[in-house]
């Protein structure tokens, strides 16, 4: 990321210590980079230890004047694993922020889903994000230190999304958590906000949400699918994340902010267009998604 694309002054986040779940790739990596460029001490976690280590090394090499990035292999579906990770982080000082970014998603007709497939998404997005938030939040409350929570959602929290029901349900739950904790924990100096990104293409997302390359939902040809005629640029998302996690905007609390070029207002921003797919198209998409899952599974260390 080019430092000129970040609209905040250098050193703005010096002294901040932020945990980004799913921080090794995709949107998590981009936000982690922005935070550390501005001086934050960033901790990234995920199930692929080698990927995390490579990301940490690459980001610090690219921005020697920024903060540090620490890699933590951790499966956030397991509360004890979260506790061990946060214990290790806290041993060197408390966190000041948490970004609930870890997620999983794929397109599927709901009638084709197994309970195991549903749990694969809900266990990460819904359970894992809550477990991590609870663990960190309880420490902030006990210490009276306060902190900031940011959850990465989607615009589907407002209108649902056909063909991604497990994700839509789980993200909606996190939206409810955000609004609830913003009120309940405000007296402890803890803020809770969320971002609902539109299409910001990453490799993993594209291969699971647009496996045939046609883009029947938010990933479709942006010349006709988005009022602005394009997808989002990563620095635009990162600038919003810095605003919500950095100093200077501490009165923003309990909000979910969309950044999608008005796609939600124009057409719902979801996968309703896939109602036109044939059985053959769904079979081909499922095969492509399984292949990508196997590829990613081979890299997991936890």
C-alpha atoms as a PDB file:
ATOM      1  CA  UNK A   1       0.000   0.000   0.000  1.00  0.00           C
ATOM      2  CA  UNK A   2       1.275   3.462  -0.904  1.00  0.00           C
ATOM      3  CA  UNK A   3       1.603   5.713   2.131  1.00  0.00           C
ATOM      4  CA  UNK A   4       0.187   8.585   0.063  1.00  0.00           C
ATOM      5  CA  UNK A   5      -3.141   6.739  -0.118  1.00  0.00           C
ATOM      6  CA  UNK A   6      -3.561   6.871   3.652  1.00  0.00           C
ATOM      7  CA  UNK A   7      -5.157  10.187   4.554  1.00  0.00           C
ATOM      8  CA  UNK A   8      -3.906  10.335   8.143  1.00  0.00           C
ATOM      9  CA  UNK A   9      -0.685  11.801   9.502  1.00  0.00           C
ATOM     10  CA  UNK A  10       2.307   9.487  10.139  1.00  0.00           C
ATOM     11  CA  UNK A  11       2.512   8.250  13.710  1.00  0.00           C
ATOM     12  CA  UNK A  12      -1.201   8.757  14.355  1.00  0.00           C
ATOM     13  CA  UNK A  13      -1.585   5.264  15.811  1.00  0.00           C
ATOM     14  CA  UNK A  14       1.676   5.047  17.712  1.00  0.00           C
ATOM     15  CA  UNK A  15       0.981   3.429  21.073  1.00  0.00           C
ATOM     16  CA  UNK A  16      -2.037   1.519  19.782  1.00  0.00           C
ATOM     17  CA  UNK A  17      -1.969  -2.279  20.063  1.00  0.00           C
ATOM     18  CA  UNK A  18      -4.511  -3.908  17.764  1.00  0.00           C
ATOM     19  CA  UNK A  19      -5.467  -7.536  17.145  1.00  0.00           C
ATOM     20  CA  UNK A  20      -6.777  -8.300  13.644  1.00  0.00           C
ATOM     21  CA  UNK A  21      -8.356 -11.733  13.276  1.00  0.00           C
ATOM     22  CA  UNK A  22      -7.878 -13.263   9.845  1.00  0.00           C
ATOM     23  CA  UNK A  23      -5.053 -10.762   9.408  1.00  0.00           C
ATOM     24  CA  UNK A  24      -2.777 -12.819   7.183  1.00  0.00           C
ATOM     25  CA  UNK A  25      -4.615 -12.237   3.916  1.00  0.00           C
ATOM     26  CA  UNK A  26      -7.319 -10.191   2.242  1.00  0.00           C
ATOM     27  CA  UNK A  27      -8.973  -7.272   3.980  1.00  0.00           C
ATOM     28  CA  UNK A  28      -7.363  -8.195   7.296  1.00  0.00           C
ATOM     29  CA  UNK A  29      -3.871  -7.874   5.856  1.00  0.00           C
ATOM     30  CA  UNK A  30      -4.740  -4.531   4.258  1.00  0.00           C
ATOM     31  CA  UNK A  31      -6.058  -3.071   7.518  1.00  0.00           C
ATOM     32  CA  UNK A  32      -3.129  -4.472   9.491  1.00  0.00           C
ATOM     33  CA  UNK A  33      -0.772  -2.759   7.056  1.00  0.00           C
ATOM     34  CA  UNK A  34      -2.538   0.581   7.407  1.00  0.00           C
ATOM     35  CA  UNK A  35      -2.459   0.421  11.214  1.00  0.00           C
ATOM     36  CA  UNK A  36       1.230  -0.473  11.361  1.00  0.00           C
ATOM     37  CA  UNK A  37       2.157   2.162   8.734  1.00  0.00           C
ATOM     38  CA  UNK A  38       0.742   4.733  11.159  1.00  0.00           C
ATOM     39  CA  UNK A  39       2.792   3.348  14.057  1.00  0.00           C
ATOM     40  CA  UNK A  40       0.527   0.765  15.691  1.00  0.00           C
ATOM     41  CA  UNK A  41       1.778  -2.489  17.178  1.00  0.00           C
ATOM     42  CA  UNK A  42      -0.369  -5.001  15.252  1.00  0.00           C
ATOM     43  CA  UNK A  43      -1.128  -8.620  16.088  1.00  0.00           C
ATOM     44  CA  UNK A  44      -2.568 -10.833  13.361  1.00  0.00           C
ATOM     45  CA  UNK A  45      -4.056 -14.276  13.850  1.00  0.00           C
ATOM     46  CA  UNK A  46      -5.393 -17.100  11.703  1.00  0.00           C
ATOM     47  CA  UNK A  47      -5.136 -20.826  11.094  1.00  0.00           C
ATOM     48  CA  UNK A  48      -2.332 -20.679   8.525  1.00  0.00           C
ATOM     49  CA  UNK A  49       0.818 -20.036  10.530  1.00  0.00           C
ATOM     50  CA  UNK A  50       3.206 -19.835   7.601  1.00  0.00           C
ATOM     51  CA  UNK A  51       1.014 -17.310   5.816  1.00  0.00           C
ATOM     52  CA  UNK A  52       0.842 -15.165   8.957  1.00  0.00           C
ATOM     53  CA  UNK A  53       4.615 -15.196   9.375  1.00  0.00           C
ATOM     54  CA  UNK A  54       5.136 -14.282   5.728  1.00  0.00           C
ATOM     55  CA  UNK A  55       2.681 -11.408   6.030  1.00  0.00           C
ATOM     56  CA  UNK A  56       4.289 -10.050   9.199  1.00  0.00           C
ATOM     57  CA  UNK A  57       7.762 -10.143   7.639  1.00  0.00           C
ATOM     58  CA  UNK A  58       6.597  -8.589   4.377  1.00  0.00           C
ATOM     59  CA  UNK A  59       4.762  -5.714   6.020  1.00  0.00           C
ATOM     60  CA  UNK A  60       7.610  -4.786   8.323  1.00  0.00           C
ATOM     61  CA  UNK A  61      10.086  -4.955   5.444  1.00  0.00           C
ATOM     62  CA  UNK A  62       7.867  -2.697   3.365  1.00  0.00           C
ATOM     63  CA  UNK A  63       7.398  -0.107   6.131  1.00  0.00           C
ATOM     64  CA  UNK A  64      10.552   0.029   8.290  1.00  0.00           C
ATOM     65  CA  UNK A  65       9.448   3.280   9.860  1.00  0.00           C
ATOM     66  CA  UNK A  66       6.132   1.932  11.052  1.00  0.00           C
ATOM     67  CA  UNK A  67       5.094  -0.252  13.953  1.00  0.00           C
ATOM     68  CA  UNK A  68       5.539  -3.992  14.327  1.00  0.00           C
ATOM     69  CA  UNK A  69       3.434  -6.932  13.185  1.00  0.00           C
ATOM     70  CA  UNK A  70       3.245 -10.090  15.300  1.00  0.00           C
ATOM     71  CA  UNK A  71       1.902 -13.404  13.979  1.00  0.00           C
ATOM     72  CA  UNK A  72      -0.226 -15.717  16.128  1.00  0.00           C
ATOM     73  CA  UNK A  73      -1.481 -19.043  14.728  1.00  0.00           C
ATOM     74  CA  UNK A  74      -4.882 -19.448  16.378  1.00  0.00           C
ATOM     75  CA  UNK A  75      -8.220 -21.071  15.650  1.00  0.00           C
ATOM     76  CA  UNK A  76     -10.781 -18.594  16.977  1.00  0.00           C
ATOM     77  CA  UNK A  77     -13.431 -21.314  16.977  1.00  0.00           C
ATOM     78  CA  UNK A  78     -11.687 -22.645  20.114  1.00  0.00           C
ATOM     79  CA  UNK A  79     -12.107 -20.444  23.229  1.00  0.00           C
ATOM     80  CA  UNK A  80      -9.060 -21.910  24.983  1.00  0.00           C
ATOM     81  CA  UNK A  81      -6.902 -21.135  21.957  1.00  0.00           C
ATOM     82  CA  UNK A  82      -8.110 -17.540  22.001  1.00  0.00           C
ATOM     83  CA  UNK A  83      -7.342 -17.267  25.699  1.00  0.00           C
ATOM     84  CA  UNK A  84      -3.804 -18.581  25.227  1.00  0.00           C
ATOM     85  CA  UNK A  85      -3.174 -16.149  22.374  1.00  0.00           C
ATOM     86  CA  UNK A  86      -4.525 -13.134  24.234  1.00  0.00           C
ATOM     87  CA  UNK A  87      -2.549 -14.136  27.345  1.00  0.00           C
ATOM     88  CA  UNK A  88       0.612 -14.088  25.224  1.00  0.00           C
ATOM     89  CA  UNK A  89      -0.267 -10.669  23.807  1.00  0.00           C
ATOM     90  CA  UNK A  90      -1.211  -9.214  27.201  1.00  0.00           C
ATOM     91  CA  UNK A  91       2.104 -10.358  28.671  1.00  0.00           C
ATOM     92  CA  UNK A  92       3.671  -7.461  26.760  1.00  0.00           C
ATOM     93  CA  UNK A  93       0.864  -4.999  27.352  1.00  0.00           C
ATOM     94  CA  UNK A  94      -2.893  -4.749  26.870  1.00  0.00           C
ATOM     95  CA  UNK A  95      -4.557  -4.402  23.521  1.00  0.00           C
ATOM     96  CA  UNK A  96      -6.244  -1.120  22.702  1.00  0.00           C
ATOM     97  CA  UNK A  97      -8.265  -2.459  19.784  1.00  0.00           C
ATOM     98  CA  UNK A  98      -9.784  -5.581  18.247  1.00  0.00           C
ATOM     99  CA  UNK A  99     -10.802  -6.046  14.615  1.00  0.00           C
ATOM    100  CA  UNK A 100     -13.174  -8.968  14.069  1.00  0.00           C
ATOM    101  CA  UNK A 101     -12.282  -9.713  10.459  1.00  0.00           C
ATOM    102  CA  UNK A 102     -11.905 -13.507  10.280  1.00  0.00           C
ATOM    103  CA  UNK A 103     -14.644 -14.967   8.123  1.00  0.00           C
ATOM    104  CA  UNK A 104     -15.626 -17.711   5.762  1.00  0.00           C
ATOM    105  CA  UNK A 105     -18.175 -17.685   2.986  1.00  0.00           C
ATOM    106  CA  UNK A 106     -19.180 -19.397  -0.232  1.00  0.00           C
ATOM    107  CA  UNK A 107     -22.175 -19.350  -2.516  1.00  0.00           C
ATOM    108  CA  UNK A 108     -24.584 -22.269  -2.341  1.00  0.00           C
ATOM    109  CA  UNK A 109     -28.255 -22.984  -2.698  1.00  0.00           C
ATOM    110  CA  UNK A 110     -29.449 -23.291   0.872  1.00  0.00           C
ATOM    111  CA  UNK A 111     -31.125 -26.641   0.212  1.00  0.00           C
ATOM    112  CA  UNK A 112     -27.708 -28.019  -0.799  1.00  0.00           C
ATOM    113  CA  UNK A 113     -26.067 -27.093   2.517  1.00  0.00           C
ATOM    114  CA  UNK A 114     -25.224 -29.655   5.161  1.00  0.00           C
ATOM    115  CA  UNK A 115     -25.233 -28.775   8.848  1.00  0.00           C
ATOM    116  CA  UNK A 116     -21.466 -29.153   8.742  1.00  0.00           C
ATOM    117  CA  UNK A 117     -21.224 -26.571   5.951  1.00  0.00           C
ATOM    118  CA  UNK A 118     -23.390 -24.171   7.935  1.00  0.00           C
ATOM    119  CA  UNK A 119     -21.242 -24.654  11.028  1.00  0.00           C
ATOM    120  CA  UNK A 120     -18.076 -24.031   9.007  1.00  0.00           C
ATOM    121  CA  UNK A 121     -19.221 -20.451   8.480  1.00  0.00           C
ATOM    122  CA  UNK A 122     -21.111 -19.806  11.721  1.00  0.00           C
ATOM    123  CA  UNK A 123     -18.307 -21.187  13.902  1.00  0.00           C
ATOM    124  CA  UNK A 124     -15.840 -18.632  12.566  1.00  0.00           C
ATOM    125  CA  UNK A 125     -17.964 -15.581  11.881  1.00  0.00           C
ATOM    126  CA  UNK A 126     -20.519 -15.781  14.672  1.00  0.00           C
ATOM    127  CA  UNK A 127     -19.016 -17.865  17.460  1.00  0.00           C
ATOM    128  CA  UNK A 128     -15.354 -17.033  16.874  1.00  0.00           C
ATOM    129  CA  UNK A 129     -15.914 -13.285  16.705  1.00  0.00           C
ATOM    130  CA  UNK A 130     -17.997 -13.345  19.888  1.00  0.00           C
ATOM    131  CA  UNK A 131     -15.479 -15.538  21.740  1.00  0.00           C
ATOM    132  CA  UNK A 132     -12.651 -13.159  20.841  1.00  0.00           C
ATOM    133  CA  UNK A 133     -14.672 -10.066  21.703  1.00  0.00           C
ATOM    134  CA  UNK A 134     -15.706 -11.523  25.051  1.00  0.00           C
ATOM    135  CA  UNK A 135     -12.157 -12.522  25.985  1.00  0.00           C
ATOM    136  CA  UNK A 136     -10.675  -9.139  25.159  1.00  0.00           C
ATOM    137  CA  UNK A 137     -13.635  -7.163  26.495  1.00  0.00           C
ATOM    138  CA  UNK A 138     -13.553  -8.847  29.901  1.00  0.00           C
ATOM    139  CA  UNK A 139      -9.891  -7.881  30.270  1.00  0.00           C
ATOM    140  CA  UNK A 140     -10.599  -4.258  29.376  1.00  0.00           C
ATOM    141  CA  UNK A 141     -13.425  -4.143  31.900  1.00  0.00           C
ATOM    142  CA  UNK A 142     -11.315  -5.729  34.647  1.00  0.00           C
ATOM    143  CA  UNK A 143      -8.463  -3.289  34.043  1.00  0.00           C
ATOM    144  CA  UNK A 144     -10.607  -0.246  33.403  1.00  0.00           C
ATOM    145  CA  UNK A 145      -8.522   0.536  30.350  1.00  0.00           C
ATOM    146  CA  UNK A 146     -11.189   0.752  27.647  1.00  0.00           C
ATOM    147  CA  UNK A 147     -10.741  -0.172  24.019  1.00  0.00           C
ATOM    148  CA  UNK A 148     -12.277  -0.209  20.571  1.00  0.00           C
ATOM    149  CA  UNK A 149     -13.974  -3.065  18.708  1.00  0.00           C
ATOM    150  CA  UNK A 150     -14.439  -3.055  14.951  1.00  0.00           C
ATOM    151  CA  UNK A 151     -16.307  -5.858  13.168  1.00  0.00           C
ATOM    152  CA  UNK A 152     -16.208  -6.338   9.410  1.00  0.00           C
ATOM    153  CA  UNK A 153     -19.732  -7.100   8.215  1.00  0.00           C
ATOM    154  CA  UNK A 154     -21.588  -6.753   4.900  1.00  0.00           C
ATOM    155  CA  UNK A 155     -24.629  -4.779   3.761  1.00  0.00           C
ATOM    156  CA  UNK A 156     -26.528  -8.087   3.901  1.00  0.00           C
ATOM    157  CA  UNK A 157     -27.035  -7.460   7.620  1.00  0.00           C
ATOM    158  CA  UNK A 158     -29.842  -5.105   6.568  1.00  0.00           C
ATOM    159  CA  UNK A 159     -31.560  -7.133   3.842  1.00  0.00           C
ATOM    160  CA  UNK A 160     -30.164 -10.688   3.957  1.00  0.00           C
ATOM    161  CA  UNK A 161     -28.603 -12.449   1.004  1.00  0.00           C
ATOM    162  CA  UNK A 162     -29.907 -15.398  -0.943  1.00  0.00           C
ATOM    163  CA  UNK A 163     -27.318 -18.123  -1.564  1.00  0.00           C
ATOM    164  CA  UNK A 164     -25.063 -16.998   1.311  1.00  0.00           C
ATOM    165  CA  UNK A 165     -27.497 -17.641   4.167  1.00  0.00           C
ATOM    166  CA  UNK A 166     -24.941 -18.852   6.786  1.00  0.00           C
ATOM    167  CA  UNK A 167     -22.865 -15.718   6.303  1.00  0.00           C
ATOM    168  CA  UNK A 168     -25.881 -13.407   6.204  1.00  0.00           C
ATOM    169  CA  UNK A 169     -27.208 -14.888   9.445  1.00  0.00           C
ATOM    170  CA  UNK A 170     -23.841 -14.752  11.188  1.00  0.00           C
ATOM    171  CA  UNK A 171     -22.988 -11.222  10.099  1.00  0.00           C
ATOM    172  CA  UNK A 172     -26.440 -10.039  11.184  1.00  0.00           C
ATOM    173  CA  UNK A 173     -25.695 -11.489  14.603  1.00  0.00           C
ATOM    174  CA  UNK A 174     -22.474  -9.495  14.789  1.00  0.00           C
ATOM    175  CA  UNK A 175     -24.363  -6.359  13.844  1.00  0.00           C
ATOM    176  CA  UNK A 176     -26.664  -7.000  16.793  1.00  0.00           C
ATOM    177  CA  UNK A 177     -23.621  -7.599  19.010  1.00  0.00           C
ATOM    178  CA  UNK A 178     -22.104  -4.313  17.867  1.00  0.00           C
ATOM    179  CA  UNK A 179     -25.185  -2.278  18.722  1.00  0.00           C
ATOM    180  CA  UNK A 180     -25.740  -4.111  22.008  1.00  0.00           C
ATOM    181  CA  UNK A 181     -22.188  -3.816  23.337  1.00  0.00           C
ATOM    182  CA  UNK A 182     -21.940  -0.195  22.254  1.00  0.00           C
ATOM    183  CA  UNK A 183     -24.584   0.554  24.865  1.00  0.00           C
ATOM    184  CA  UNK A 184     -23.659  -2.009  27.501  1.00  0.00           C
ATOM    185  CA  UNK A 185     -19.897  -1.425  27.518  1.00  0.00           C
ATOM    186  CA  UNK A 186     -19.780   2.328  26.837  1.00  0.00           C
ATOM    187  CA  UNK A 187     -19.577   2.975  30.582  1.00  0.00           C
ATOM    188  CA  UNK A 188     -16.315   0.993  30.585  1.00  0.00           C
ATOM    189  CA  UNK A 189     -14.778   3.168  27.885  1.00  0.00           C
ATOM    190  CA  UNK A 190     -15.292   0.489  25.216  1.00  0.00           C
ATOM    191  CA  UNK A 191     -16.644   1.407  21.783  1.00  0.00           C
ATOM    192  CA  UNK A 192     -18.088  -1.025  19.241  1.00  0.00           C
ATOM    193  CA  UNK A 193     -18.518  -0.196  15.557  1.00  0.00           C
ATOM    194  CA  UNK A 194     -18.685  -2.047  12.258  1.00  0.00           C
ATOM    195  CA  UNK A 195     -17.939  -1.603   8.584  1.00  0.00           C
ATOM    196  CA  UNK A 196     -20.090  -3.130   5.846  1.00  0.00           C
ATOM    197  CA  UNK A 197     -17.864  -3.306   2.759  1.00  0.00           C
ATOM    198  CA  UNK A 198     -19.198  -3.808  -0.716  1.00  0.00           C
ATOM    199  CA  UNK A 199     -17.037  -5.561  -3.312  1.00  0.00           C
ATOM    200  CA  UNK A 200     -13.350  -5.253  -2.443  1.00  0.00           C
ATOM    201  CA  UNK A 201     -12.044  -8.258  -4.414  1.00  0.00           C
ATOM    202  CA  UNK A 202      -9.541 -10.595  -2.781  1.00  0.00           C
ATOM    203  CA  UNK A 203      -8.344 -13.964  -4.056  1.00  0.00           C
ATOM    204  CA  UNK A 204     -10.143 -16.052  -1.455  1.00  0.00           C
ATOM    205  CA  UNK A 205     -13.407 -14.161  -1.739  1.00  0.00           C
ATOM    206  CA  UNK A 206     -13.447 -14.210  -5.525  1.00  0.00           C
ATOM    207  CA  UNK A 207     -12.885 -17.953  -5.745  1.00  0.00           C
ATOM    208  CA  UNK A 208     -15.729 -18.753  -3.359  1.00  0.00           C
ATOM    209  CA  UNK A 209     -18.234 -16.044  -4.274  1.00  0.00           C
ATOM    210  CA  UNK A 210     -17.506 -15.894  -7.992  1.00  0.00           C
ATOM    211  CA  UNK A 211     -16.182 -19.399  -8.765  1.00  0.00           C
ATOM    212  CA  UNK A 212     -17.238 -19.404 -12.418  1.00  0.00           C
ATOM    213  CA  UNK A 213     -15.964 -15.907 -13.135  1.00  0.00           C
ATOM    214  CA  UNK A 214     -19.369 -14.551 -14.176  1.00  0.00           C
ATOM    215  CA  UNK A 215     -20.042 -12.658 -10.955  1.00  0.00           C
ATOM    216  CA  UNK A 216     -23.749 -13.097 -10.472  1.00  0.00           C
ATOM    217  CA  UNK A 217     -23.852 -11.115  -7.246  1.00  0.00           C
ATOM    218  CA  UNK A 218     -21.882  -8.157  -5.845  1.00  0.00           C
ATOM    219  CA  UNK A 219     -18.827  -9.421  -7.751  1.00  0.00           C
ATOM    220  CA  UNK A 220     -20.519  -9.116 -11.132  1.00  0.00           C
ATOM    221  CA  UNK A 221     -19.294  -6.787 -13.885  1.00  0.00           C
ATOM    222  CA  UNK A 222     -19.083  -3.490 -12.066  1.00  0.00           C
ATOM    223  CA  UNK A 223     -19.888  -1.428 -15.163  1.00  0.00           C
ATOM    224  CA  UNK A 224     -23.516  -2.428 -14.698  1.00  0.00           C
ATOM    225  CA  UNK A 225     -23.672  -3.631 -11.116  1.00  0.00           C
ATOM    226  CA  UNK A 226     -22.459  -0.636  -9.121  1.00  0.00           C
ATOM    227  CA  UNK A 227     -23.581   2.992  -9.393  1.00  0.00           C
ATOM    228  CA  UNK A 228     -19.930   4.092  -9.356  1.00  0.00           C
ATOM    229  CA  UNK A 229     -18.992   1.544 -12.017  1.00  0.00           C
ATOM    230  CA  UNK A 230     -16.122   0.024 -10.077  1.00  0.00           C
ATOM    231  CA  UNK A 231     -15.111  -2.049  -7.079  1.00  0.00           C
ATOM    232  CA  UNK A 232     -13.637  -0.590  -3.911  1.00  0.00           C
ATOM    233  CA  UNK A 233      -9.970   0.253  -3.550  1.00  0.00           C
ATOM    234  CA  UNK A 234      -8.272  -1.125  -0.455  1.00  0.00           C
ATOM    235  CA  UNK A 235      -6.974   2.200   0.808  1.00  0.00           C
ATOM    236  CA  UNK A 236     -10.557   3.492   0.918  1.00  0.00           C
ATOM    237  CA  UNK A 237     -11.569   0.722   3.321  1.00  0.00           C
ATOM    238  CA  UNK A 238      -8.384   1.172   5.351  1.00  0.00           C
ATOM    239  CA  UNK A 239      -8.936   4.901   5.794  1.00  0.00           C
ATOM    240  CA  UNK A 240     -12.371   4.183   7.247  1.00  0.00           C
ATOM    241  CA  UNK A 241     -10.931   1.509   9.565  1.00  0.00           C
ATOM    242  CA  UNK A 242      -8.267   3.922  10.812  1.00  0.00           C
ATOM    243  CA  UNK A 243     -10.906   6.572  11.476  1.00  0.00           C
ATOM    244  CA  UNK A 244     -12.905   4.151  13.625  1.00  0.00           C
ATOM    245  CA  UNK A 245      -9.927   2.625  15.445  1.00  0.00           C
ATOM    246  CA  UNK A 246      -7.660   5.641  15.851  1.00  0.00           C
ATOM    247  CA  UNK A 247      -7.911   8.690  18.130  1.00  0.00           C
ATOM    248  CA  UNK A 248     -10.067  11.655  17.243  1.00  0.00           C
ATOM    249  CA  UNK A 249     -13.428  10.042  16.506  1.00  0.00           C
ATOM    250  CA  UNK A 250     -14.207   8.532  19.897  1.00  0.00           C
ATOM    251  CA  UNK A 251     -17.833   9.688  19.839  1.00  0.00           C
ATOM    252  CA  UNK A 252     -18.650   7.235  17.042  1.00  0.00           C
ATOM    253  CA  UNK A 253     -20.168   4.252  18.786  1.00  0.00           C
ATOM    254  CA  UNK A 254     -22.674   1.567  17.843  1.00  0.00           C
ATOM    255  CA  UNK A 255     -22.539   2.304  14.123  1.00  0.00           C
ATOM    256  CA  UNK A 256     -22.305   0.078  11.049  1.00  0.00           C
ATOM    257  CA  UNK A 257     -20.991   2.130   8.126  1.00  0.00           C
ATOM    258  CA  UNK A 258     -21.390   0.898   4.553  1.00  0.00           C
ATOM    259  CA  UNK A 259     -18.616   1.494   2.028  1.00  0.00           C
ATOM    260  CA  UNK A 260     -19.940   0.124  -1.244  1.00  0.00           C
ATOM    261  CA  UNK A 261     -20.414   2.937  -3.751  1.00  0.00           C
ATOM    262  CA  UNK A 262     -24.182   2.935  -3.018  1.00  0.00           C
ATOM    263  CA  UNK A 263     -24.590  -0.614  -4.357  1.00  0.00           C
ATOM    264  CA  UNK A 264     -26.887  -1.502  -1.465  1.00  0.00           C
ATOM    265  CA  UNK A 265     -29.224   1.380  -2.246  1.00  0.00           C
ATOM    266  CA  UNK A 266     -29.174   0.608  -5.970  1.00  0.00           C
ATOM    267  CA  UNK A 267     -29.797  -3.112  -5.984  1.00  0.00           C
ATOM    268  CA  UNK A 268     -29.522  -4.701  -2.565  1.00  0.00           C
ATOM    269  CA  UNK A 269     -25.807  -5.510  -2.882  1.00  0.00           C
ATOM    270  CA  UNK A 270     -26.359  -9.249  -2.537  1.00  0.00           C
ATOM    271  CA  UNK A 271     -26.591 -12.460  -4.565  1.00  0.00           C
ATOM    272  CA  UNK A 272     -30.255 -12.422  -5.572  1.00  0.00           C
ATOM    273  CA  UNK A 273     -29.257 -12.498  -9.270  1.00  0.00           C
ATOM    274  CA  UNK A 274     -28.081 -16.090  -8.852  1.00  0.00           C
ATOM    275  CA  UNK A 275     -31.698 -17.255  -8.949  1.00  0.00           C
ATOM    276  CA  UNK A 276     -31.104 -17.493 -12.713  1.00  0.00           C
ATOM    277  CA  UNK A 277     -28.358 -20.141 -12.403  1.00  0.00           C
ATOM    278  CA  UNK A 278     -28.946 -23.648 -13.727  1.00  0.00           C
ATOM    279  CA  UNK A 279     -28.279 -26.911 -11.900  1.00  0.00           C
ATOM    280  CA  UNK A 280     -25.172 -27.363 -14.045  1.00  0.00           C
ATOM    281  CA  UNK A 281     -23.813 -23.982 -13.035  1.00  0.00           C
ATOM    282  CA  UNK A 282     -24.336 -24.793  -9.348  1.00  0.00           C
ATOM    283  CA  UNK A 283     -22.576 -28.150  -9.769  1.00  0.00           C
ATOM    284  CA  UNK A 284     -19.598 -26.479 -11.422  1.00  0.00           C
ATOM    285  CA  UNK A 285     -19.453 -23.768  -8.757  1.00  0.00           C
ATOM    286  CA  UNK A 286     -19.516 -26.324  -5.929  1.00  0.00           C
ATOM    287  CA  UNK A 287     -16.622 -28.232  -7.498  1.00  0.00           C
ATOM    288  CA  UNK A 288     -14.541 -25.073  -7.846  1.00  0.00           C
ATOM    289  CA  UNK A 289     -15.207 -24.071  -4.238  1.00  0.00           C
ATOM    290  CA  UNK A 290     -14.251 -27.531  -2.937  1.00  0.00           C
ATOM    291  CA  UNK A 291     -10.958 -27.325  -4.835  1.00  0.00           C
ATOM    292  CA  UNK A 292     -10.150 -23.961  -3.298  1.00  0.00           C
ATOM    293  CA  UNK A 293     -11.051 -25.221   0.189  1.00  0.00           C
ATOM    294  CA  UNK A 294      -8.676 -28.163  -0.158  1.00  0.00           C
ATOM    295  CA  UNK A 295      -5.901 -25.854  -1.294  1.00  0.00           C
ATOM    296  CA  UNK A 296      -6.351 -23.601   1.729  1.00  0.00           C
ATOM    297  CA  UNK A 297      -6.757 -26.511   4.153  1.00  0.00           C
ATOM    298  CA  UNK A 298      -3.311 -27.806   3.225  1.00  0.00           C
ATOM    299  CA  UNK A 299      -1.754 -24.582   4.546  1.00  0.00           C
ATOM    300  CA  UNK A 300      -3.391 -24.647   7.974  1.00  0.00           C
ATOM    301  CA  UNK A 301      -1.239 -25.221  11.032  1.00  0.00           C
ATOM    302  CA  UNK A 302      -3.979 -25.015  13.691  1.00  0.00           C
END
